[in-house]
């Protein structure tokens, strides 16, 4: 089976109209990429980006996922976490966003299994049931799985 024939790359703004009545078994996505920070950013700069761009994008994404997924299907998704110079780490808490659209969180599998199946050079860590890529200084991707209720 050629899996690449079953993978669709699309912009989030196109998803709700691109597939008609087609329903999916799963979605894997990174809905938004943040600006590249050459140095550790200030809390207020990151907070503004998160509040005005990141959270609205994730909210929109989960609403669309709800329309596109079959019942009990899953979304594998990343969320940014950014270390700031003056206010600690800013994280995007997806649980509340996902729950509003009819999803509940599923525990991510052991980080060792992810690295063995993809790239042994990944710098994955886990803490408090969150698996994340710790390979950069200021920015990291946290990995989540949500299931449609």
C-alpha atoms as a PDB file:
ATOM      1  CA  UNK A   1       0.000   0.000   0.000  1.00  0.00           C
ATOM      2  CA  UNK A   2       1.363   3.394  -0.978  1.00  0.00           C
ATOM      3  CA  UNK A   3       0.601   5.512   2.074  1.00  0.00           C
ATOM      4  CA  UNK A   4       1.597   8.762   0.324  1.00  0.00           C
ATOM      5  CA  UNK A   5      -1.552   8.456  -1.818  1.00  0.00           C
ATOM      6  CA  UNK A   6      -3.609   8.647   1.355  1.00  0.00           C
ATOM      7  CA  UNK A   7      -1.904  11.725   2.794  1.00  0.00           C
ATOM      8  CA  UNK A   8      -3.404  15.100   1.970  1.00  0.00           C
ATOM      9  CA  UNK A   9      -1.546  18.360   2.548  1.00  0.00           C
ATOM     10  CA  UNK A  10      -3.935  21.285   2.901  1.00  0.00           C
ATOM     11  CA  UNK A  11      -4.239  24.728   4.413  1.00  0.00           C
ATOM     12  CA  UNK A  12      -6.616  24.880   7.380  1.00  0.00           C
ATOM     13  CA  UNK A  13      -8.732  27.498   5.608  1.00  0.00           C
ATOM     14  CA  UNK A  14      -9.391  25.009   2.789  1.00  0.00           C
ATOM     15  CA  UNK A  15     -10.254  21.983   4.901  1.00  0.00           C
ATOM     16  CA  UNK A  16     -13.941  22.576   5.559  1.00  0.00           C
ATOM     17  CA  UNK A  17     -14.769  22.975   1.857  1.00  0.00           C
ATOM     18  CA  UNK A  18     -12.165  20.747   0.223  1.00  0.00           C
ATOM     19  CA  UNK A  19     -13.619  17.328   1.026  1.00  0.00           C
ATOM     20  CA  UNK A  20     -17.403  17.623   0.737  1.00  0.00           C
ATOM     21  CA  UNK A  21     -19.057  14.986   2.938  1.00  0.00           C
ATOM     22  CA  UNK A  22     -15.942  12.826   3.250  1.00  0.00           C
ATOM     23  CA  UNK A  23     -15.134  11.806   6.847  1.00  0.00           C
ATOM     24  CA  UNK A  24     -11.667  10.809   8.042  1.00  0.00           C
ATOM     25  CA  UNK A  25     -10.252   8.278  10.502  1.00  0.00           C
ATOM     26  CA  UNK A  26      -7.508  10.607  11.686  1.00  0.00           C
ATOM     27  CA  UNK A  27      -5.696  13.889  11.236  1.00  0.00           C
ATOM     28  CA  UNK A  28      -2.032  14.672  11.969  1.00  0.00           C
ATOM     29  CA  UNK A  29      -1.194  18.353  11.997  1.00  0.00           C
ATOM     30  CA  UNK A  30       0.851  21.280  13.153  1.00  0.00           C
ATOM     31  CA  UNK A  31      -1.667  24.093  12.643  1.00  0.00           C
ATOM     32  CA  UNK A  32       0.647  27.083  12.974  1.00  0.00           C
ATOM     33  CA  UNK A  33       4.337  27.876  12.837  1.00  0.00           C
ATOM     34  CA  UNK A  34       5.595  30.698  14.999  1.00  0.00           C
ATOM     35  CA  UNK A  35       8.208  33.280  14.056  1.00  0.00           C
ATOM     36  CA  UNK A  36      11.812  32.168  14.437  1.00  0.00           C
ATOM     37  CA  UNK A  37      13.315  33.735  17.545  1.00  0.00           C
ATOM     38  CA  UNK A  38      17.059  34.435  17.220  1.00  0.00           C
ATOM     39  CA  UNK A  39      17.231  35.277  20.901  1.00  0.00           C
ATOM     40  CA  UNK A  40      15.026  34.543  23.862  1.00  0.00           C
ATOM     41  CA  UNK A  41      11.832  36.582  23.376  1.00  0.00           C
ATOM     42  CA  UNK A  42       9.991  38.825  25.829  1.00  0.00           C
ATOM     43  CA  UNK A  43       6.864  37.490  27.509  1.00  0.00           C
ATOM     44  CA  UNK A  44       4.590  40.260  26.169  1.00  0.00           C
ATOM     45  CA  UNK A  45       5.730  39.681  22.571  1.00  0.00           C
ATOM     46  CA  UNK A  46       4.996  35.961  22.751  1.00  0.00           C
ATOM     47  CA  UNK A  47       1.746  36.412  24.657  1.00  0.00           C
ATOM     48  CA  UNK A  48       0.445  38.731  21.934  1.00  0.00           C
ATOM     49  CA  UNK A  49       1.237  36.194  19.213  1.00  0.00           C
ATOM     50  CA  UNK A  50      -0.352  33.361  21.192  1.00  0.00           C
ATOM     51  CA  UNK A  51      -3.523  35.308  22.023  1.00  0.00           C
ATOM     52  CA  UNK A  52      -4.038  36.858  18.576  1.00  0.00           C
ATOM     53  CA  UNK A  53      -2.807  34.136  16.216  1.00  0.00           C
ATOM     54  CA  UNK A  54      -2.186  30.794  17.904  1.00  0.00           C
ATOM     55  CA  UNK A  55      -5.289  30.262  20.047  1.00  0.00           C
ATOM     56  CA  UNK A  56      -7.725  31.426  17.321  1.00  0.00           C
ATOM     57  CA  UNK A  57      -6.024  29.100  14.814  1.00  0.00           C
ATOM     58  CA  UNK A  58      -6.286  26.096  17.149  1.00  0.00           C
ATOM     59  CA  UNK A  59      -9.924  26.906  17.968  1.00  0.00           C
ATOM     60  CA  UNK A  60     -10.773  27.083  14.292  1.00  0.00           C
ATOM     61  CA  UNK A  61      -8.849  23.879  13.627  1.00  0.00           C
ATOM     62  CA  UNK A  62     -10.700  21.854  16.267  1.00  0.00           C
ATOM     63  CA  UNK A  63     -14.054  23.080  14.977  1.00  0.00           C
ATOM     64  CA  UNK A  64     -13.087  21.897  11.500  1.00  0.00           C
ATOM     65  CA  UNK A  65     -11.701  18.593  12.852  1.00  0.00           C
ATOM     66  CA  UNK A  66     -15.072  17.977  14.483  1.00  0.00           C
ATOM     67  CA  UNK A  67     -16.753  18.282  11.086  1.00  0.00           C
ATOM     68  CA  UNK A  68     -14.193  16.160   9.219  1.00  0.00           C
ATOM     69  CA  UNK A  69     -13.635  13.244  11.592  1.00  0.00           C
ATOM     70  CA  UNK A  70     -15.703  10.126  12.150  1.00  0.00           C
ATOM     71  CA  UNK A  71     -16.842   9.427  15.700  1.00  0.00           C
ATOM     72  CA  UNK A  72     -14.033   8.166  17.966  1.00  0.00           C
ATOM     73  CA  UNK A  73     -11.397   9.216  15.412  1.00  0.00           C
ATOM     74  CA  UNK A  74      -8.237  10.944  16.537  1.00  0.00           C
ATOM     75  CA  UNK A  75      -6.175  14.072  15.991  1.00  0.00           C
ATOM     76  CA  UNK A  76      -2.427  14.040  16.568  1.00  0.00           C
ATOM     77  CA  UNK A  77      -1.374  17.632  16.999  1.00  0.00           C
ATOM     78  CA  UNK A  78       1.520  19.755  18.171  1.00  0.00           C
ATOM     79  CA  UNK A  79       1.299  22.860  20.312  1.00  0.00           C
ATOM     80  CA  UNK A  80       4.031  25.455  20.806  1.00  0.00           C
ATOM     81  CA  UNK A  81       5.728  26.143  24.114  1.00  0.00           C
ATOM     82  CA  UNK A  82       8.048  29.167  24.240  1.00  0.00           C
ATOM     83  CA  UNK A  83      10.548  30.133  26.915  1.00  0.00           C
ATOM     84  CA  UNK A  84      10.609  33.882  27.579  1.00  0.00           C
ATOM     85  CA  UNK A  85      13.259  36.075  29.137  1.00  0.00           C
ATOM     86  CA  UNK A  86      10.979  37.699  31.693  1.00  0.00           C
ATOM     87  CA  UNK A  87       8.016  35.456  32.381  1.00  0.00           C
ATOM     88  CA  UNK A  88       8.826  31.792  32.206  1.00  0.00           C
ATOM     89  CA  UNK A  89       7.416  29.488  29.558  1.00  0.00           C
ATOM     90  CA  UNK A  90       4.234  30.256  27.601  1.00  0.00           C
ATOM     91  CA  UNK A  91       2.288  27.138  26.661  1.00  0.00           C
ATOM     92  CA  UNK A  92      -0.867  26.624  24.658  1.00  0.00           C
ATOM     93  CA  UNK A  93      -3.198  24.446  26.698  1.00  0.00           C
ATOM     94  CA  UNK A  94      -5.181  22.493  24.151  1.00  0.00           C
ATOM     95  CA  UNK A  95      -7.484  20.548  26.484  1.00  0.00           C
ATOM     96  CA  UNK A  96     -10.020  23.351  26.901  1.00  0.00           C
ATOM     97  CA  UNK A  97      -9.938  24.274  23.210  1.00  0.00           C
ATOM     98  CA  UNK A  98     -10.419  20.644  22.172  1.00  0.00           C
ATOM     99  CA  UNK A  99     -13.192  19.962  24.701  1.00  0.00           C
ATOM    100  CA  UNK A 100     -15.257  22.881  23.350  1.00  0.00           C
ATOM    101  CA  UNK A 101     -15.284  21.114  19.975  1.00  0.00           C
ATOM    102  CA  UNK A 102     -16.178  17.684  21.348  1.00  0.00           C
ATOM    103  CA  UNK A 103     -12.769  16.047  21.883  1.00  0.00           C
ATOM    104  CA  UNK A 104     -11.048  14.489  24.861  1.00  0.00           C
ATOM    105  CA  UNK A 105      -7.348  13.966  25.398  1.00  0.00           C
ATOM    106  CA  UNK A 106      -5.688  10.569  25.009  1.00  0.00           C
ATOM    107  CA  UNK A 107      -2.382   9.898  26.752  1.00  0.00           C
ATOM    108  CA  UNK A 108       0.586   9.955  24.356  1.00  0.00           C
ATOM    109  CA  UNK A 109       2.457   6.679  24.118  1.00  0.00           C
ATOM    110  CA  UNK A 110       5.954   6.206  25.463  1.00  0.00           C
ATOM    111  CA  UNK A 111       8.397   8.706  23.917  1.00  0.00           C
ATOM    112  CA  UNK A 112      10.924   5.934  23.291  1.00  0.00           C
ATOM    113  CA  UNK A 113       8.565   4.253  20.828  1.00  0.00           C
ATOM    114  CA  UNK A 114       8.130   7.472  18.861  1.00  0.00           C
ATOM    115  CA  UNK A 115      11.865   8.054  18.441  1.00  0.00           C
ATOM    116  CA  UNK A 116      12.554   4.441  17.473  1.00  0.00           C
ATOM    117  CA  UNK A 117       9.975   4.567  14.704  1.00  0.00           C
ATOM    118  CA  UNK A 118      10.875   7.930  13.250  1.00  0.00           C
ATOM    119  CA  UNK A 119      14.250   9.490  13.958  1.00  0.00           C
ATOM    120  CA  UNK A 120      16.693   8.298  16.589  1.00  0.00           C
ATOM    121  CA  UNK A 121      18.120  11.833  16.773  1.00  0.00           C
ATOM    122  CA  UNK A 122      14.877  13.302  18.094  1.00  0.00           C
ATOM    123  CA  UNK A 123      15.308  14.858  21.501  1.00  0.00           C
ATOM    124  CA  UNK A 124      12.014  13.838  23.049  1.00  0.00           C
ATOM    125  CA  UNK A 125      11.271  14.365  26.711  1.00  0.00           C
ATOM    126  CA  UNK A 126       8.179  13.759  28.772  1.00  0.00           C
ATOM    127  CA  UNK A 127       6.841  15.473  31.840  1.00  0.00           C
ATOM    128  CA  UNK A 128       3.378  15.339  33.397  1.00  0.00           C
ATOM    129  CA  UNK A 129       1.946  13.223  30.543  1.00  0.00           C
ATOM    130  CA  UNK A 130       3.220  15.626  27.860  1.00  0.00           C
ATOM    131  CA  UNK A 131       5.746  14.481  25.266  1.00  0.00           C
ATOM    132  CA  UNK A 132       7.736  17.294  23.690  1.00  0.00           C
ATOM    133  CA  UNK A 133      10.697  17.958  21.418  1.00  0.00           C
ATOM    134  CA  UNK A 134      13.455  19.474  23.540  1.00  0.00           C
ATOM    135  CA  UNK A 135      15.867  20.039  20.672  1.00  0.00           C
ATOM    136  CA  UNK A 136      15.734  23.846  20.624  1.00  0.00           C
ATOM    137  CA  UNK A 137      16.620  26.443  23.242  1.00  0.00           C
ATOM    138  CA  UNK A 138      13.533  28.656  23.402  1.00  0.00           C
ATOM    139  CA  UNK A 139      10.839  26.838  21.472  1.00  0.00           C
ATOM    140  CA  UNK A 140       9.510  23.322  21.746  1.00  0.00           C
ATOM    141  CA  UNK A 141       6.670  21.353  20.232  1.00  0.00           C
ATOM    142  CA  UNK A 142       4.407  19.477  22.590  1.00  0.00           C
ATOM    143  CA  UNK A 143       2.646  16.417  21.154  1.00  0.00           C
ATOM    144  CA  UNK A 144      -0.988  15.606  21.937  1.00  0.00           C
ATOM    145  CA  UNK A 145      -3.615  13.106  20.872  1.00  0.00           C
ATOM    146  CA  UNK A 146      -7.328  13.913  21.057  1.00  0.00           C
ATOM    147  CA  UNK A 147     -10.270  11.674  20.293  1.00  0.00           C
ATOM    148  CA  UNK A 148     -13.632  12.850  19.017  1.00  0.00           C
ATOM    149  CA  UNK A 149     -16.418  12.055  21.504  1.00  0.00           C
END
